[in-house]
N, C-alpha and C. Protein backbone atom coordinates (compact mmCIF):
# COMPACT_ATOMS: atom_id res chain seq x y z
N MET A 1 0.85 -1.18 0.00
CA MET A 1 0.00 0.00 0.00
C MET A 1 0.89 1.23 0.00
N ASN A 2 0.79 2.00 -1.07
CA ASN A 2 1.61 3.19 -1.23
C ASN A 2 0.78 4.42 -0.90
N MET A 3 0.63 4.71 0.39
CA MET A 3 -0.20 5.83 0.80
C MET A 3 0.69 6.85 1.52
N THR A 4 0.73 8.05 0.94
CA THR A 4 1.55 9.12 1.51
C THR A 4 0.73 10.40 1.60
N SER A 5 1.28 11.40 2.26
CA SER A 5 0.58 12.67 2.40
C SER A 5 0.35 13.36 1.06
N THR A 6 1.19 13.08 0.07
CA THR A 6 1.00 13.70 -1.25
C THR A 6 -0.24 13.15 -1.96
N LEU A 7 -0.79 12.05 -1.46
CA LEU A 7 -2.00 11.48 -2.05
C LEU A 7 -3.27 12.01 -1.40
N ILE A 8 -3.15 12.92 -0.45
CA ILE A 8 -4.33 13.51 0.18
C ILE A 8 -4.61 14.83 -0.53
N ALA A 9 -5.74 14.88 -1.22
CA ALA A 9 -6.13 16.05 -2.02
C ALA A 9 -6.51 17.21 -1.11
N PRO A 10 -6.49 18.43 -1.62
CA PRO A 10 -6.88 19.60 -0.83
C PRO A 10 -8.28 19.47 -0.23
N CYS A 11 -9.18 18.74 -0.90
CA CYS A 11 -10.56 18.58 -0.44
C CYS A 11 -10.71 17.52 0.64
N GLY A 12 -9.63 16.77 0.93
CA GLY A 12 -9.69 15.72 1.93
C GLY A 12 -9.84 14.33 1.35
N MET A 13 -10.00 14.23 0.04
CA MET A 13 -10.09 12.93 -0.61
C MET A 13 -8.73 12.24 -0.56
N ASN A 14 -8.74 10.97 -0.23
CA ASN A 14 -7.52 10.17 -0.23
C ASN A 14 -7.38 9.56 -1.62
N CYS A 15 -6.55 10.15 -2.46
CA CYS A 15 -6.37 9.68 -3.83
C CYS A 15 -5.85 8.24 -3.88
N GLY A 16 -5.20 7.79 -2.82
CA GLY A 16 -4.69 6.42 -2.76
C GLY A 16 -5.78 5.37 -2.73
N THR A 17 -7.03 5.79 -2.47
CA THR A 17 -8.16 4.87 -2.44
C THR A 17 -9.09 5.06 -3.65
N CYS A 18 -8.72 5.94 -4.54
CA CYS A 18 -9.54 6.27 -5.71
C CYS A 18 -9.34 5.22 -6.81
N MET A 19 -10.42 4.86 -7.50
CA MET A 19 -10.32 3.86 -8.56
C MET A 19 -9.42 4.33 -9.70
N ALA A 20 -9.34 5.63 -9.96
CA ALA A 20 -8.47 6.15 -11.01
C ALA A 20 -6.99 5.97 -10.65
N TYR A 21 -6.69 6.05 -9.38
CA TYR A 21 -5.31 5.84 -8.91
C TYR A 21 -4.97 4.35 -8.86
N LEU A 22 -5.93 3.52 -8.47
CA LEU A 22 -5.68 2.10 -8.26
C LEU A 22 -5.72 1.24 -9.52
N ARG A 23 -6.39 1.71 -10.55
CA ARG A 23 -6.54 0.88 -11.75
C ARG A 23 -5.19 0.61 -12.41
N ASP A 24 -5.17 -0.44 -13.23
CA ASP A 24 -3.93 -0.86 -13.88
C ASP A 24 -3.55 -0.02 -15.09
N LYS A 25 -4.54 0.45 -15.85
CA LYS A 25 -4.26 1.22 -17.06
C LYS A 25 -4.64 2.68 -16.86
N ASN A 26 -3.87 3.57 -17.46
CA ASN A 26 -4.15 5.01 -17.41
C ASN A 26 -4.37 5.50 -15.98
N THR A 27 -3.47 5.12 -15.11
CA THR A 27 -3.63 5.50 -13.71
C THR A 27 -3.42 6.99 -13.51
N CYS A 28 -4.15 7.52 -12.57
CA CYS A 28 -4.01 8.93 -12.18
C CYS A 28 -2.95 9.00 -11.08
N PRO A 29 -2.06 9.96 -11.13
CA PRO A 29 -1.01 10.06 -10.12
C PRO A 29 -1.49 10.72 -8.81
N GLY A 30 -2.72 11.20 -8.79
CA GLY A 30 -3.24 11.89 -7.61
C GLY A 30 -3.42 13.36 -7.92
N CYS A 31 -4.26 14.02 -7.15
CA CYS A 31 -4.61 15.42 -7.40
C CYS A 31 -3.44 16.39 -7.28
N ARG A 32 -2.50 16.09 -6.42
CA ARG A 32 -1.41 17.04 -6.16
C ARG A 32 -0.27 16.95 -7.17
N VAL A 33 -0.20 15.89 -7.93
CA VAL A 33 0.88 15.71 -8.91
C VAL A 33 0.47 16.38 -10.21
N GLU A 34 1.34 17.23 -10.72
CA GLU A 34 1.07 17.89 -12.00
C GLU A 34 1.39 16.92 -13.12
N ASP A 35 0.38 16.59 -13.90
CA ASP A 35 0.53 15.63 -14.98
C ASP A 35 -0.53 15.95 -16.04
N PRO A 36 -0.11 16.31 -17.25
CA PRO A 36 -1.09 16.66 -18.30
C PRO A 36 -1.93 15.46 -18.74
N ASN A 37 -1.53 14.24 -18.38
CA ASN A 37 -2.27 13.05 -18.76
C ASN A 37 -3.36 12.67 -17.77
N LYS A 38 -3.59 13.50 -16.78
CA LYS A 38 -4.66 13.24 -15.82
C LYS A 38 -6.00 13.26 -16.53
N ALA A 39 -6.96 12.62 -15.90
CA ALA A 39 -8.32 12.63 -16.43
C ALA A 39 -8.82 14.07 -16.49
N VAL A 40 -9.64 14.36 -17.47
CA VAL A 40 -10.18 15.71 -17.66
C VAL A 40 -10.95 16.15 -16.41
N SER A 41 -11.65 15.22 -15.78
CA SER A 41 -12.42 15.58 -14.58
C SER A 41 -11.51 16.08 -13.46
N ILE A 42 -10.31 15.56 -13.37
CA ILE A 42 -9.36 16.02 -12.35
C ILE A 42 -8.80 17.39 -12.75
N LEU A 43 -8.45 17.54 -14.03
CA LEU A 43 -7.91 18.81 -14.49
C LEU A 43 -8.91 19.95 -14.34
N ARG A 44 -10.19 19.64 -14.46
CA ARG A 44 -11.24 20.65 -14.37
C ARG A 44 -11.87 20.76 -12.98
N CYS A 45 -11.36 20.03 -12.02
CA CYS A 45 -11.95 20.00 -10.68
C CYS A 45 -12.07 21.41 -10.11
N LYS A 46 -13.29 21.79 -9.74
CA LYS A 46 -13.55 23.13 -9.21
C LYS A 46 -12.90 23.36 -7.85
N ILE A 47 -12.76 22.30 -7.08
CA ILE A 47 -12.12 22.46 -5.77
C ILE A 47 -10.61 22.61 -5.94
N LYS A 48 -10.00 21.71 -6.69
CA LYS A 48 -8.55 21.78 -6.89
C LYS A 48 -8.14 23.09 -7.55
N ASN A 49 -8.98 23.61 -8.43
CA ASN A 49 -8.68 24.85 -9.14
C ASN A 49 -9.25 26.08 -8.46
N CYS A 50 -9.67 25.94 -7.23
CA CYS A 50 -10.19 27.06 -6.46
C CYS A 50 -9.13 28.16 -6.35
N GLU A 51 -9.58 29.39 -6.46
CA GLU A 51 -8.68 30.55 -6.42
C GLU A 51 -7.84 30.58 -5.14
N ALA A 52 -8.45 30.30 -4.02
CA ALA A 52 -7.72 30.33 -2.74
C ALA A 52 -6.60 29.30 -2.71
N LEU A 53 -6.84 28.12 -3.27
CA LEU A 53 -5.81 27.09 -3.32
C LEU A 53 -4.75 27.41 -4.37
N GLN A 54 -5.18 27.98 -5.49
CA GLN A 54 -4.26 28.31 -6.57
C GLN A 54 -3.25 29.40 -6.20
N GLN A 55 -3.63 30.24 -5.27
CA GLN A 55 -2.71 31.30 -4.83
C GLN A 55 -1.53 30.73 -4.06
N GLY A 56 -1.62 29.47 -3.66
CA GLY A 56 -0.49 28.80 -3.05
C GLY A 56 -0.34 28.95 -1.55
N ASN A 57 -1.24 29.64 -0.91
CA ASN A 57 -1.12 29.85 0.54
C ASN A 57 -1.75 28.72 1.35
N LEU A 58 -2.61 27.93 0.71
CA LEU A 58 -3.34 26.89 1.41
C LEU A 58 -2.99 25.51 0.85
N LYS A 59 -2.88 24.53 1.73
CA LYS A 59 -2.68 23.15 1.28
C LYS A 59 -3.98 22.37 1.31
N PHE A 60 -4.86 22.73 2.25
CA PHE A 60 -6.12 22.03 2.43
C PHE A 60 -7.26 23.03 2.55
N CYS A 61 -8.43 22.60 2.15
CA CYS A 61 -9.61 23.47 2.19
C CYS A 61 -9.94 23.98 3.59
N PHE A 62 -9.65 23.20 4.62
CA PHE A 62 -9.99 23.65 5.98
C PHE A 62 -9.20 24.89 6.40
N GLU A 63 -8.15 25.22 5.68
CA GLU A 63 -7.35 26.41 6.00
C GLU A 63 -7.98 27.69 5.45
N CYS A 64 -9.01 27.54 4.65
CA CYS A 64 -9.69 28.67 4.02
C CYS A 64 -10.73 29.26 4.96
N ASP A 65 -10.89 30.58 4.91
CA ASP A 65 -11.91 31.26 5.72
C ASP A 65 -13.33 30.84 5.33
N SER A 66 -13.52 30.34 4.10
CA SER A 66 -14.85 29.95 3.62
C SER A 66 -15.18 28.48 3.87
N PHE A 67 -14.30 27.77 4.56
CA PHE A 67 -14.52 26.34 4.80
C PHE A 67 -15.65 26.11 5.78
N PRO A 68 -16.56 25.21 5.49
CA PRO A 68 -16.70 24.48 4.23
C PRO A 68 -17.53 25.27 3.22
N CYS A 69 -16.99 25.47 2.07
CA CYS A 69 -17.70 26.20 1.01
C CYS A 69 -18.73 25.29 0.36
N GLU A 70 -19.52 25.84 -0.53
CA GLU A 70 -20.57 25.05 -1.19
C GLU A 70 -19.98 23.92 -2.03
N ARG A 71 -18.84 24.15 -2.65
CA ARG A 71 -18.21 23.10 -3.45
C ARG A 71 -17.83 21.91 -2.59
N VAL A 72 -17.22 22.18 -1.45
CA VAL A 72 -16.80 21.12 -0.54
C VAL A 72 -18.03 20.42 0.05
N LYS A 73 -19.05 21.17 0.40
CA LYS A 73 -20.28 20.58 0.94
C LYS A 73 -20.93 19.66 -0.08
N HIS A 74 -20.95 20.09 -1.33
CA HIS A 74 -21.55 19.28 -2.40
C HIS A 74 -20.79 17.97 -2.57
N MET A 75 -19.47 18.04 -2.62
CA MET A 75 -18.67 16.82 -2.77
C MET A 75 -18.86 15.91 -1.56
N ASP A 76 -18.85 16.50 -0.38
CA ASP A 76 -19.01 15.73 0.85
C ASP A 76 -20.34 14.97 0.84
N LYS A 77 -21.41 15.65 0.45
CA LYS A 77 -22.72 15.00 0.41
C LYS A 77 -22.72 13.83 -0.57
N ARG A 78 -22.12 14.04 -1.72
CA ARG A 78 -22.05 12.97 -2.74
C ARG A 78 -21.25 11.78 -2.23
N TYR A 79 -20.12 12.05 -1.59
CA TYR A 79 -19.28 10.95 -1.09
C TYR A 79 -19.91 10.25 0.11
N ARG A 80 -20.58 10.99 0.98
CA ARG A 80 -21.27 10.35 2.11
C ARG A 80 -22.39 9.45 1.61
N THR A 81 -23.13 9.94 0.63
CA THR A 81 -24.28 9.20 0.09
C THR A 81 -23.83 7.97 -0.72
N ARG A 82 -22.91 8.15 -1.61
CA ARG A 82 -22.51 7.07 -2.52
C ARG A 82 -21.45 6.13 -1.96
N TYR A 83 -20.52 6.67 -1.16
CA TYR A 83 -19.35 5.88 -0.79
C TYR A 83 -19.12 5.74 0.71
N ASN A 84 -20.02 6.28 1.51
CA ASN A 84 -19.92 6.19 2.97
C ASN A 84 -18.60 6.76 3.50
N MET A 85 -18.18 7.89 2.93
CA MET A 85 -16.95 8.56 3.33
C MET A 85 -17.19 10.06 3.27
N SER A 86 -16.71 10.79 4.27
CA SER A 86 -16.90 12.23 4.33
C SER A 86 -15.59 12.97 4.13
N THR A 87 -15.55 13.80 3.10
CA THR A 87 -14.34 14.60 2.87
C THR A 87 -14.21 15.69 3.94
N ILE A 88 -15.34 16.21 4.43
CA ILE A 88 -15.28 17.21 5.50
C ILE A 88 -14.74 16.58 6.79
N GLU A 89 -15.20 15.37 7.08
CA GLU A 89 -14.68 14.65 8.25
C GLU A 89 -13.18 14.40 8.08
N ASN A 90 -12.76 14.02 6.88
CA ASN A 90 -11.33 13.83 6.62
C ASN A 90 -10.55 15.11 6.90
N LEU A 91 -11.06 16.23 6.40
CA LEU A 91 -10.38 17.52 6.61
C LEU A 91 -10.33 17.89 8.08
N GLU A 92 -11.40 17.64 8.81
CA GLU A 92 -11.41 17.92 10.25
C GLU A 92 -10.39 17.04 10.97
N ASN A 93 -10.26 15.80 10.55
CA ASN A 93 -9.27 14.90 11.15
C ASN A 93 -7.85 15.34 10.83
N ILE A 94 -7.63 15.83 9.63
CA ILE A 94 -6.29 16.34 9.28
C ILE A 94 -5.97 17.55 10.14
N ARG A 95 -6.93 18.43 10.32
CA ARG A 95 -6.73 19.62 11.15
C ARG A 95 -6.42 19.22 12.60
N LYS A 96 -7.18 18.26 13.11
CA LYS A 96 -7.07 17.85 14.51
C LYS A 96 -5.83 16.98 14.78
N LEU A 97 -5.58 16.01 13.90
CA LEU A 97 -4.52 15.03 14.14
C LEU A 97 -3.20 15.34 13.45
N GLY A 98 -3.26 16.14 12.39
CA GLY A 98 -2.08 16.36 11.57
C GLY A 98 -2.07 15.36 10.42
N ILE A 99 -1.37 15.71 9.36
CA ILE A 99 -1.38 14.90 8.15
C ILE A 99 -0.73 13.53 8.35
N ARG A 100 0.32 13.45 9.12
CA ARG A 100 1.00 12.15 9.32
C ARG A 100 0.10 11.14 10.03
N GLN A 101 -0.57 11.57 11.08
CA GLN A 101 -1.45 10.67 11.81
C GLN A 101 -2.67 10.32 10.95
N PHE A 102 -3.17 11.29 10.21
CA PHE A 102 -4.30 11.01 9.32
C PHE A 102 -3.92 9.93 8.31
N VAL A 103 -2.76 10.06 7.68
CA VAL A 103 -2.31 9.07 6.69
C VAL A 103 -2.13 7.71 7.35
N ALA A 104 -1.57 7.68 8.55
CA ALA A 104 -1.41 6.41 9.27
C ALA A 104 -2.77 5.76 9.52
N ASN A 105 -3.74 6.56 9.91
CA ASN A 105 -5.10 6.04 10.13
C ASN A 105 -5.73 5.54 8.83
N GLU A 106 -5.49 6.26 7.74
CA GLU A 106 -6.04 5.87 6.44
C GLU A 106 -5.46 4.53 5.97
N LYS A 107 -4.19 4.30 6.25
CA LYS A 107 -3.57 3.03 5.87
C LYS A 107 -4.30 1.86 6.52
N VAL A 108 -4.69 2.04 7.77
CA VAL A 108 -5.43 1.00 8.49
C VAL A 108 -6.86 0.92 7.98
N ARG A 109 -7.49 2.08 7.83
CA ARG A 109 -8.90 2.15 7.43
C ARG A 109 -9.17 1.47 6.08
N TRP A 110 -8.27 1.65 5.12
CA TRP A 110 -8.49 1.17 3.76
C TRP A 110 -7.69 -0.08 3.42
N ALA A 111 -7.11 -0.73 4.43
CA ALA A 111 -6.35 -1.96 4.18
C ALA A 111 -7.28 -3.17 4.15
N CYS A 112 -7.11 -4.01 3.18
CA CYS A 112 -7.89 -5.24 3.06
C CYS A 112 -7.50 -6.20 4.17
N PRO A 113 -8.46 -6.71 4.93
CA PRO A 113 -8.14 -7.65 6.00
C PRO A 113 -7.69 -9.01 5.46
N ASN A 114 -7.95 -9.24 4.19
CA ASN A 114 -7.60 -10.51 3.57
C ASN A 114 -6.14 -10.54 3.10
N CYS A 115 -5.71 -9.47 2.38
CA CYS A 115 -4.37 -9.49 1.78
C CYS A 115 -3.51 -8.28 2.13
N GLY A 116 -4.12 -7.26 2.74
CA GLY A 116 -3.37 -6.04 3.07
C GLY A 116 -3.35 -5.03 1.93
N GLY A 117 -3.99 -5.36 0.81
CA GLY A 117 -4.06 -4.44 -0.32
C GLY A 117 -4.98 -3.27 0.00
N THR A 118 -5.18 -2.41 -0.97
CA THR A 118 -6.00 -1.21 -0.76
C THR A 118 -7.43 -1.43 -1.24
N ILE A 119 -8.38 -1.06 -0.37
CA ILE A 119 -9.79 -1.11 -0.72
C ILE A 119 -10.14 0.21 -1.42
N CYS A 120 -10.77 0.11 -2.55
CA CYS A 120 -11.18 1.28 -3.33
C CYS A 120 -12.42 1.92 -2.71
N VAL A 121 -12.36 3.21 -2.46
CA VAL A 121 -13.50 3.92 -1.88
C VAL A 121 -14.71 3.90 -2.81
N HIS A 122 -14.48 3.91 -4.11
CA HIS A 122 -15.57 3.98 -5.07
C HIS A 122 -16.22 2.62 -5.35
N ARG A 123 -15.44 1.58 -5.34
CA ARG A 123 -15.95 0.25 -5.68
C ARG A 123 -16.13 -0.66 -4.47
N GLN A 124 -15.53 -0.30 -3.34
CA GLN A 124 -15.57 -1.12 -2.13
C GLN A 124 -15.03 -2.52 -2.39
N VAL A 125 -13.97 -2.59 -3.22
CA VAL A 125 -13.32 -3.84 -3.57
C VAL A 125 -11.82 -3.66 -3.37
N CYS A 126 -11.16 -4.71 -2.88
CA CYS A 126 -9.71 -4.66 -2.72
C CYS A 126 -9.07 -4.81 -4.10
N TYR A 127 -8.17 -3.91 -4.42
CA TYR A 127 -7.48 -3.99 -5.70
C TYR A 127 -6.32 -4.98 -5.66
N GLY A 128 -6.05 -5.56 -4.49
CA GLY A 128 -5.03 -6.60 -4.37
C GLY A 128 -5.57 -7.98 -4.65
N CYS A 129 -6.69 -8.32 -4.01
CA CYS A 129 -7.22 -9.68 -4.12
C CYS A 129 -8.65 -9.76 -4.67
N GLY A 130 -9.31 -8.63 -4.84
CA GLY A 130 -10.65 -8.62 -5.39
C GLY A 130 -11.76 -8.84 -4.36
N ARG A 131 -11.38 -8.92 -3.09
CA ARG A 131 -12.38 -9.16 -2.03
C ARG A 131 -13.30 -7.95 -1.89
N LYS A 132 -14.60 -8.21 -1.84
CA LYS A 132 -15.61 -7.16 -1.66
C LYS A 132 -15.62 -6.75 -0.19
N SER A 133 -15.57 -5.44 0.03
CA SER A 133 -15.59 -4.90 1.39
C SER A 133 -17.00 -4.98 1.95
N GLU A 134 -17.10 -5.04 3.25
CA GLU A 134 -18.41 -5.14 3.92
C GLU A 134 -18.94 -3.80 4.30
């Protein structure tokens, strides 16, 4: 499991658990890595391209005076509903625990109990052994 702080997006999404990062072909390097071959949806992401983040003073959305903004709330609602994961909760945990502890917790949270591989947040399947998460 290759999970590092560089895989935690400004919005609180753990790119290390994303199906675009985990897939075998045309993998995404994560939101923080500059790569022109990223999926168009990542390149056009309204949160990643937010003016406050683009100015370079902020690493995470929780550092913004407008947190949580409507964009973050919208994404959080979608992820809570579809994937049982909250980006706002992730951001609050990063603020409270620090990025290192958050990443350590994520390694445990998304580790397959069967093989130790990574469980995909979007598919709820381990990309190591194919085991369906409960």
